[in-house]
Amino acid sequence: MTTPNRGSGELEALLDQLREYVTPQPPWISLPPRAFTSPELYELELDRIFRRSWIMVARVDQLAGPGDYLALTIAGEPLLLTRDRTGTLNAMSPICRHRMMPVVAAGAGRAEHFTCPYHLWRYGLDGQLIAATHMRGNPAFDPGSCRLPGFAVEQWQGFVFVNLDSGAPPLRTHLSRIGEDLGNYELGAMTQVGSFVEDWHCNWKVAVENVHENYHVMGFHPETIQPSTPGGSDTDVRDDSPLVLRFTVPFKEPQEVEFLRLTEQERRQVYNVSVFPCTSFAAAGETVIWLSFIPTAIDRTEVRGGILAPSQTVEGTDAEQLQQIREGNEAYAAVINGEDQRGLEEVQRAVGSRFAGRGHLSPKEPAVPVFYRKLAAALLAEEYREPAEAGPLAAVQSSLS
């Protein structure tokens, strides 16, 4: 089969190498170096993956009340999430329907409505046009039908996911087994006690590979993570669906818990979940950390994440105490993230070397080739003629079964 509009011979060669990962016996070897630097492959990733996939962008705490909003960009597409006065969560384009001015800058906050700073058109929290200055003289203009275009949005266990494809199949069916597994963690009732948005100078796949294995902690985190979850530990992988995999890593010693009713096994392991393409979260005792690696350029990645804890940990605290808790959690996350960032930016600088090549994977990183298979399946989905409602990854998996 052939992929339409492939482009250059280099892109064809890269797709041929990626195709190896969706064969019955995929190679236990890393991605080719050009997979992290090829502009054509990057554009294909934006088109076939990031404009069609569910990406975690926030915790419900960040969009809890009427008027709360979050504005960001995914795959070059500005995005606005709001909680309107009916309690509905909305995802929409912030681009004014008049002359293409964003009605809100990137960031988070609270608003009664959104007014375009160019010609003062005003929109409600649900995206409906409220007012358009000096437009009554245009008989062709219908203000009642004017609204900001919407995207798909889904809330699961307190996590907020968005998809630039407004007709995307639901995500929650892929997460049903994970939800059962993590029932004792009470994810939906947890409180976000820290958050961060960082800019890493590396390709998004460099970051996602890293979060799929614990092998690297002996090198990147010798004093922070290695003592509790050694990098030489075995990893148990379960591939749940075309979008979701989970892998567990044992603690050196079981975690002490105060509020959650965790089993002995749950206290003895880190429970990691990956949602393709770029989202992950890890439950470690009574702490849950979530991450999304959103590409902003071929060698730049926006890292969004947060730290969760049982709501009981902050009950009864005043504003000052809560701020101290947040600052402490964010400071610790900054140390861990900083260790990863420094290392992965060095990797990105090295991928262009003439001596860079594909490396054999270790038995200690079994989730990495699973990520490669999901990546290849998404990029090669156009080769397979399966029902559209199955989704690109489901189509490829079905064709290989």
Protein backbone atom coordinates (compact mmCIF):
# COMPACT_ATOMS: atom_id res chain seq x y z
CA MET A 1 0.00 0.00 0.00
CA THR A 2 1.08 3.60 -0.47
CA THR A 3 0.51 6.70 1.56
CA PRO A 4 -0.94 9.60 -0.45
CA ASN A 5 0.97 12.89 -0.52
CA ARG A 6 4.00 11.50 1.26
CA GLY A 7 6.35 14.15 -0.02
CA SER A 8 10.09 13.61 -0.14
CA GLY A 9 12.09 10.43 -0.37
CA GLU A 10 13.32 11.02 3.18
CA LEU A 11 9.78 11.04 4.53
CA GLU A 12 9.06 7.83 2.63
CA ALA A 13 12.16 6.25 4.16
CA LEU A 14 11.14 7.33 7.66
CA LEU A 15 7.64 5.92 7.21
CA ASP A 16 9.15 2.66 5.97
CA GLN A 17 11.21 2.45 9.16
CA LEU A 18 8.20 3.28 11.32
CA ARG A 19 6.19 0.61 9.53
CA GLU A 20 8.45 -2.00 11.14
CA TYR A 21 6.82 -1.25 14.50
CA VAL A 22 3.36 -2.38 13.35
CA THR A 23 4.57 -5.76 12.10
CA PRO A 24 3.85 -8.95 14.09
CA GLN A 25 7.47 -8.97 15.29
CA PRO A 26 8.54 -5.32 15.71
CA PRO A 27 12.22 -4.52 16.26
CA TRP A 28 13.45 -3.80 19.79
CA ILE A 29 15.29 -0.71 18.61
CA SER A 30 14.91 3.06 18.98
CA LEU A 31 13.51 5.51 16.44
CA PRO A 32 15.78 6.78 13.66
CA PRO A 33 17.47 10.09 14.60
CA ARG A 34 15.77 11.97 11.76
CA ALA A 35 12.42 11.19 13.38
CA PHE A 36 13.28 13.98 15.81
CA THR A 37 14.47 16.55 13.25
CA SER A 38 12.60 15.96 9.98
CA PRO A 39 10.33 18.95 9.20
CA GLU A 40 8.14 16.83 6.92
CA LEU A 41 7.59 14.16 9.55
CA TYR A 42 6.80 16.85 12.11
CA GLU A 43 4.15 18.36 9.84
CA LEU A 44 2.68 14.90 9.32
CA GLU A 45 2.54 14.42 13.10
CA LEU A 46 0.67 17.68 13.54
CA ASP A 47 -1.83 16.72 10.84
CA ARG A 48 -2.41 13.05 11.60
CA ILE A 49 -1.86 13.02 15.35
CA PHE A 50 -2.21 16.35 17.16
CA ARG A 51 -5.15 17.63 15.15
CA ARG A 52 -7.02 14.36 15.75
CA SER A 53 -6.07 13.21 19.26
CA TRP A 54 -7.25 13.64 22.85
CA ILE A 55 -4.79 15.69 24.88
CA MET A 56 -4.98 16.40 28.60
CA VAL A 57 -4.64 20.13 29.15
CA ALA A 58 -5.94 20.85 32.65
CA ARG A 59 -7.36 19.60 35.88
CA VAL A 60 -11.00 20.40 36.65
CA ASP A 61 -9.79 22.52 39.59
CA GLN A 62 -8.46 25.01 37.04
CA LEU A 63 -11.91 25.38 35.44
CA ALA A 64 -14.08 24.95 38.50
CA GLY A 65 -16.34 28.02 38.50
CA PRO A 66 -18.39 30.04 35.99
CA GLY A 67 -16.08 32.28 34.00
CA ASP A 68 -12.92 30.28 34.60
CA TYR A 69 -10.96 29.90 31.37
CA LEU A 70 -7.74 28.52 29.93
CA ALA A 71 -6.24 29.61 26.60
CA LEU A 72 -3.43 27.70 24.89
CA THR A 73 -2.26 26.45 21.48
CA ILE A 74 -2.15 22.89 20.12
CA ALA A 75 -0.63 22.09 16.71
CA GLY A 76 -0.66 25.78 15.82
CA GLU A 77 -4.36 26.06 16.65
CA PRO A 78 -5.37 28.53 19.39
CA LEU A 79 -7.80 26.97 21.85
CA LEU A 80 -10.04 28.38 24.59
CA LEU A 81 -11.64 26.35 27.37
CA THR A 82 -14.33 27.88 29.55
CA ARG A 83 -16.80 26.98 32.27
CA ASP A 84 -20.03 28.79 31.48
CA ARG A 85 -22.80 29.85 33.84
CA THR A 86 -24.70 26.58 33.37
CA GLY A 87 -21.63 24.65 34.55
CA THR A 88 -20.92 23.34 31.06
CA LEU A 89 -17.30 22.91 29.99
CA ASN A 90 -16.66 24.37 26.53
CA ALA A 91 -13.72 24.16 24.13
CA MET A 92 -13.65 26.59 21.22
CA SER A 93 -11.53 28.69 18.92
CA PRO A 94 -10.76 32.15 20.36
CA ILE A 95 -10.46 33.65 16.87
CA CYS A 96 -12.98 36.44 16.33
CA ARG A 97 -15.42 35.74 13.48
CA HIS A 98 -14.94 39.27 12.15
CA ARG A 99 -11.28 39.90 11.28
CA MET A 100 -9.40 36.99 12.92
CA MET A 101 -8.16 38.67 16.12
CA PRO A 102 -7.86 36.37 19.17
CA VAL A 103 -10.40 37.45 21.75
CA VAL A 104 -8.15 36.39 24.62
CA ALA A 105 -4.41 35.98 25.13
CA ALA A 106 -2.81 32.67 26.13
CA GLY A 107 -3.07 31.99 29.84
CA ALA A 108 -5.69 31.38 32.50
CA GLY A 109 -8.13 33.56 34.38
CA ARG A 110 -11.77 34.41 34.96
CA ALA A 111 -14.03 36.48 32.71
CA GLU A 112 -17.67 37.50 32.36
CA HIS A 113 -17.34 37.39 28.57
CA PHE A 114 -14.66 37.84 25.90
CA THR A 115 -14.29 41.08 23.95
CA CYS A 116 -12.20 41.20 20.81
CA PRO A 117 -9.64 44.00 21.30
CA TYR A 118 -9.72 44.86 17.58
CA HIS A 119 -13.33 45.98 16.93
CA LEU A 120 -14.93 45.12 20.28
CA TRP A 121 -17.11 42.21 19.21
CA ARG A 122 -18.20 40.43 22.38
CA TYR A 123 -18.76 36.69 22.96
CA GLY A 124 -20.31 34.73 25.82
CA LEU A 125 -18.60 32.00 27.79
CA ASP A 126 -20.20 29.45 25.47
CA GLY A 127 -18.81 31.17 22.37
CA GLN A 128 -22.09 32.74 21.23
CA LEU A 129 -21.82 36.27 19.88
CA ILE A 130 -23.35 38.78 22.32
CA ALA A 131 -22.70 42.06 20.53
CA ALA A 132 -21.09 43.32 17.34
CA THR A 133 -20.47 47.05 17.09
CA HIS A 134 -21.85 48.93 14.07
CA MET A 135 -23.04 45.78 12.23
CA ARG A 136 -26.78 46.55 11.88
CA GLY A 137 -26.21 48.14 8.51
CA ASN A 138 -25.09 44.83 6.99
CA PRO A 139 -28.26 42.87 6.08
CA ALA A 140 -26.26 39.73 5.23
CA PHE A 141 -24.92 39.46 8.78
CA ASP A 142 -26.90 37.24 11.17
CA PRO A 143 -25.66 37.72 14.75
CA GLY A 144 -27.81 34.84 16.02
CA SER A 145 -25.83 32.32 13.97
CA CYS A 146 -22.43 33.79 14.80
CA ARG A 147 -20.41 31.92 17.40
CA LEU A 148 -16.85 30.76 18.01
CA PRO A 149 -16.28 27.31 16.43
CA GLY A 150 -16.18 24.46 18.94
CA PHE A 151 -13.79 21.58 19.61
CA ALA A 152 -14.38 18.29 21.39
CA VAL A 153 -13.87 18.35 25.16
CA GLU A 154 -14.17 15.56 27.68
CA GLN A 155 -13.80 15.36 31.44
CA TRP A 156 -12.64 12.07 33.01
CA GLN A 157 -11.90 11.55 36.70
CA GLY A 158 -11.27 15.29 37.07
CA PHE A 159 -8.88 15.48 34.10
CA VAL A 160 -9.81 17.73 31.16
CA PHE A 161 -9.03 16.48 27.64
CA VAL A 162 -9.53 18.33 24.34
CA ASN A 163 -9.51 17.22 20.72
CA LEU A 164 -9.23 19.58 17.75
CA ASP A 165 -11.44 17.17 15.80
CA SER A 166 -14.94 18.16 16.90
CA GLY A 167 -16.28 14.81 15.71
CA ALA A 168 -13.68 12.67 17.47
CA PRO A 169 -14.83 9.35 18.99
CA PRO A 170 -15.15 9.48 22.81
CA LEU A 171 -12.06 8.93 24.93
CA ARG A 172 -13.63 7.47 28.06
CA THR A 173 -14.19 4.03 26.53
CA HIS A 174 -10.42 3.68 26.21
CA LEU A 175 -9.97 4.59 29.89
CA SER A 176 -12.63 2.32 31.40
CA ARG A 177 -10.21 -0.39 32.52
CA ILE A 178 -7.80 2.19 33.96
CA GLY A 179 -10.67 3.74 35.88
CA GLU A 180 -11.44 0.39 37.48
CA ASP A 181 -7.79 -0.25 38.30
CA LEU A 182 -7.42 3.12 39.99
CA GLY A 183 -10.68 3.10 41.92
CA ASN A 184 -8.90 3.19 45.31
CA TYR A 185 -7.02 6.34 44.32
CA GLU A 186 -10.28 8.31 44.06
CA LEU A 187 -8.88 10.38 41.20
CA GLY A 188 -12.06 12.37 40.67
CA ALA A 189 -12.02 13.60 44.27
CA MET A 190 -8.35 14.57 44.33
CA THR A 191 -7.27 18.19 44.57
CA GLN A 192 -4.56 19.81 42.47
CA VAL A 193 -1.92 21.09 44.89
CA GLY A 194 0.56 22.34 42.32
CA SER A 195 0.84 23.02 38.59
CA PHE A 196 3.41 24.08 36.03
CA VAL A 197 3.86 25.08 32.39
CA GLU A 198 7.41 24.79 31.05
CA ASP A 199 9.23 25.21 27.74
CA TRP A 200 11.64 22.38 26.89
CA HIS A 201 13.98 22.61 23.91
CA CYS A 202 13.45 19.11 22.57
CA ASN A 203 11.21 17.25 20.16
CA TRP A 204 8.00 16.05 21.81
CA LYS A 205 8.87 12.39 21.16
CA VAL A 206 12.15 12.72 23.07
CA ALA A 207 10.09 13.72 26.11
CA VAL A 208 7.38 11.10 25.62
CA GLU A 209 9.90 8.28 25.20
CA ASN A 210 11.47 9.30 28.49
CA VAL A 211 8.23 9.15 30.43
CA HIS A 212 7.56 5.63 29.12
CA GLU A 213 10.42 4.11 31.11
CA ASN A 214 11.98 4.11 34.56
CA TYR A 215 15.36 2.98 33.24
CA HIS A 216 16.64 6.56 32.99
CA VAL A 217 16.24 7.45 36.67
CA MET A 218 19.65 6.01 37.55
CA GLY A 219 21.21 8.60 35.26
CA PHE A 220 18.89 11.63 35.39
CA HIS A 221 17.56 11.29 38.96
CA PRO A 222 20.24 9.55 41.07
CA GLU A 223 19.37 11.41 44.27
CA THR A 224 15.67 12.20 43.77
CA ILE A 225 13.89 9.15 42.30
CA GLN A 226 16.51 6.39 42.11
CA PRO A 227 16.50 5.71 45.89
CA SER A 228 12.74 4.94 45.92
CA THR A 229 12.15 3.43 42.45
CA PRO A 230 15.50 2.14 41.12
CA GLY A 231 16.08 2.32 37.39
CA GLY A 232 17.07 -1.33 37.28
CA SER A 233 13.62 -2.48 38.43
CA ASP A 234 11.43 -4.59 36.17
CA THR A 235 8.48 -2.89 34.48
CA ASP A 236 5.14 -4.62 33.95
CA VAL A 237 3.36 -3.39 30.79
CA ARG A 238 -0.27 -3.83 29.77
CA ASP A 239 -1.43 -2.41 26.42
CA ASP A 240 -5.09 -1.61 27.05
CA SER A 241 -6.20 -0.04 23.77
CA PRO A 242 -4.91 1.78 20.69
CA LEU A 243 -4.71 4.90 22.86
CA VAL A 244 -3.91 3.70 26.36
CA LEU A 245 -1.22 1.63 28.06
CA ARG A 246 -0.31 1.19 31.67
CA PHE A 247 2.95 0.12 33.23
CA THR A 248 3.92 -0.38 36.83
CA VAL A 249 7.27 0.05 38.55
CA PRO A 250 7.96 -1.28 42.07
CA PHE A 251 8.90 0.95 44.97
CA LYS A 252 11.92 -0.10 46.97
CA GLU A 253 9.74 0.19 50.08
CA PRO A 254 5.91 0.36 50.30
CA GLN A 255 4.42 3.82 50.62
CA GLU A 256 2.76 5.02 53.79
CA VAL A 257 -0.80 6.24 53.26
CA GLU A 258 -3.06 8.34 55.48
CA PHE A 259 -6.28 8.95 53.60
CA LEU A 260 -6.57 6.48 50.70
CA ARG A 261 -7.51 2.83 51.17
CA LEU A 262 -4.77 1.39 48.99
CA THR A 263 -4.02 -2.30 48.83
CA GLU A 264 -0.61 -3.67 49.74
CA GLN A 265 0.18 -4.06 46.04
CA GLU A 266 -0.86 -0.47 45.32
CA ARG A 267 1.40 0.82 48.07
CA ARG A 268 4.29 -1.15 46.57
CA GLN A 269 4.17 0.20 43.01
CA VAL A 270 4.00 3.31 40.88
CA TYR A 271 1.02 3.00 38.55
CA ASN A 272 1.82 4.79 35.26
CA VAL A 273 -0.75 5.51 32.55
CA SER A 274 0.02 6.80 29.06
CA VAL A 275 -2.67 8.25 26.79
CA PHE A 276 -1.38 8.56 23.22
CA PRO A 277 0.05 10.76 21.93
CA CYS A 278 1.54 12.87 24.69
CA THR A 279 -0.28 12.56 28.01
CA SER A 280 0.65 10.55 31.08
CA PHE A 281 -0.06 10.39 34.77
CA ALA A 282 1.48 8.40 37.59
CA ALA A 283 -0.11 7.35 40.88
CA ALA A 284 2.52 6.93 43.58
CA GLY A 285 1.03 6.36 47.01
CA GLU A 286 -1.17 9.35 47.75
CA THR A 287 0.40 11.55 45.09
CA VAL A 288 -0.62 11.68 41.42
CA ILE A 289 1.39 13.64 38.87
CA TRP A 290 0.07 14.37 35.36
CA LEU A 291 2.00 15.58 32.31
CA SER A 292 1.26 16.56 28.73
CA PHE A 293 4.03 17.18 26.19
CA ILE A 294 2.57 19.49 23.55
CA PRO A 295 4.83 20.33 20.58
CA THR A 296 5.25 24.02 19.78
CA ALA A 297 8.01 23.53 17.19
CA ILE A 298 10.04 20.63 15.86
CA ASP A 299 12.52 21.09 18.72
CA ARG A 300 10.31 22.79 21.33
CA THR A 301 7.77 21.23 23.68
CA GLU A 302 5.35 22.85 26.09
CA VAL A 303 5.17 20.75 29.25
CA ARG A 304 1.89 21.12 31.14
CA GLY A 305 1.26 19.28 34.36
CA GLY A 306 0.09 19.17 37.91
CA ILE A 307 0.41 17.47 41.28
CA LEU A 308 -2.67 15.93 42.92
CA ALA A 309 -3.33 14.86 46.49
CA PRO A 310 -6.35 13.62 48.46
CA SER A 311 -8.68 16.51 49.20
CA GLN A 312 -8.30 15.79 52.92
CA THR A 313 -4.73 17.09 52.79
CA VAL A 314 -5.93 20.65 52.23
CA GLU A 315 -9.22 20.64 54.12
CA GLY A 316 -9.29 23.34 56.77
CA THR A 317 -6.25 25.16 55.41
CA ASP A 318 -6.35 28.90 54.91
CA ALA A 319 -5.15 30.72 51.80
CA GLU A 320 -1.64 31.21 53.14
CA GLN A 321 -1.23 27.56 54.10
CA LEU A 322 -2.61 26.44 50.73
CA GLN A 323 -0.13 28.69 48.94
CA GLN A 324 2.72 27.19 50.94
CA ILE A 325 1.57 23.69 50.00
CA ARG A 326 1.41 24.66 46.33
CA GLU A 327 4.82 26.30 46.39
CA GLY A 328 6.39 23.27 48.08
CA ASN A 329 4.94 20.84 45.55
CA GLU A 330 5.84 23.02 42.60
CA ALA A 331 9.39 23.47 43.88
CA TYR A 332 9.85 19.70 44.11
CA ALA A 333 8.33 19.18 40.65
CA ALA A 334 10.71 21.83 39.30
CA VAL A 335 13.69 19.82 40.59
CA ILE A 336 12.51 16.58 38.94
CA ASN A 337 11.44 18.30 35.73
CA GLY A 338 14.69 20.22 35.62
CA GLU A 339 16.68 16.99 35.75
CA ASP A 340 14.69 15.59 32.83
CA GLN A 341 14.78 18.83 30.88
CA ARG A 342 18.55 19.22 31.05
CA GLY A 343 19.12 15.65 29.94
CA LEU A 344 16.55 15.62 27.15
CA GLU A 345 17.76 18.92 25.72
CA GLU A 346 21.22 17.34 25.49
CA VAL A 347 19.64 14.43 23.60
CA GLN A 348 17.99 16.85 21.18
CA ARG A 349 21.30 18.60 20.54
CA ALA A 350 22.87 15.22 19.78
CA VAL A 351 20.29 13.76 17.39
CA GLY A 352 21.76 15.75 14.52
CA SER A 353 25.21 14.25 14.95
CA ARG A 354 26.53 12.12 12.10
CA PHE A 355 27.24 9.48 14.74
CA ALA A 356 23.68 9.42 16.07
CA GLY A 357 21.90 6.17 15.27
CA ARG A 358 19.22 3.72 16.29
CA GLY A 359 20.03 1.99 19.58
CA HIS A 360 18.98 -1.42 20.93
CA LEU A 361 16.41 -1.10 23.72
CA SER A 362 16.84 -2.56 27.19
CA PRO A 363 14.49 -5.13 28.76
CA LYS A 364 14.00 -2.43 31.41
CA GLU A 365 12.08 -0.20 28.96
CA PRO A 366 9.32 -2.44 27.52
CA ALA A 367 6.74 0.36 27.23
CA VAL A 368 8.89 2.34 24.77
CA PRO A 369 8.29 0.05 21.75
CA VAL A 370 4.58 0.10 22.57
CA PHE A 371 4.69 3.88 22.18
CA TYR A 372 6.53 3.42 18.88
CA ARG A 373 3.76 1.12 17.64
CA LYS A 374 1.06 3.63 18.51
CA LEU A 375 3.08 6.40 16.83
CA ALA A 376 3.58 4.37 13.67
CA ALA A 377 -0.06 3.32 13.60
CA ALA A 378 -1.25 6.93 13.76
CA LEU A 379 1.13 8.13 11.06
CA LEU A 380 0.35 5.22 8.75
CA ALA A 381 -3.41 5.19 9.34
CA GLU A 382 -4.12 6.55 5.85
CA GLU A 383 -2.86 3.26 4.41
CA TYR A 384 -5.67 1.27 6.00
CA ARG A 385 -9.27 1.26 4.86
CA GLU A 386 -11.22 0.79 8.05
CA PRO A 387 -14.44 2.48 9.24
CA ALA A 388 -13.71 6.10 10.14
CA GLU A 389 -15.52 5.82 13.46
CA ALA A 390 -12.92 3.30 14.64
CA GLY A 391 -10.31 6.06 14.73
CA PRO A 392 -6.87 5.90 13.07
CA LEU A 393 -5.18 3.79 15.74
CA ALA A 394 -8.04 1.37 16.06
CA ALA A 395 -8.04 0.94 12.28
CA VAL A 396 -4.40 -0.05 12.17
CA GLN A 397 -4.67 -2.37 15.16
CA SER A 398 -7.69 -4.04 13.58
CA SER A 399 -5.86 -4.53 10.28
CA LEU A 400 -2.95 -6.19 12.06
CA SER A 401 -4.99 -8.60 14.15
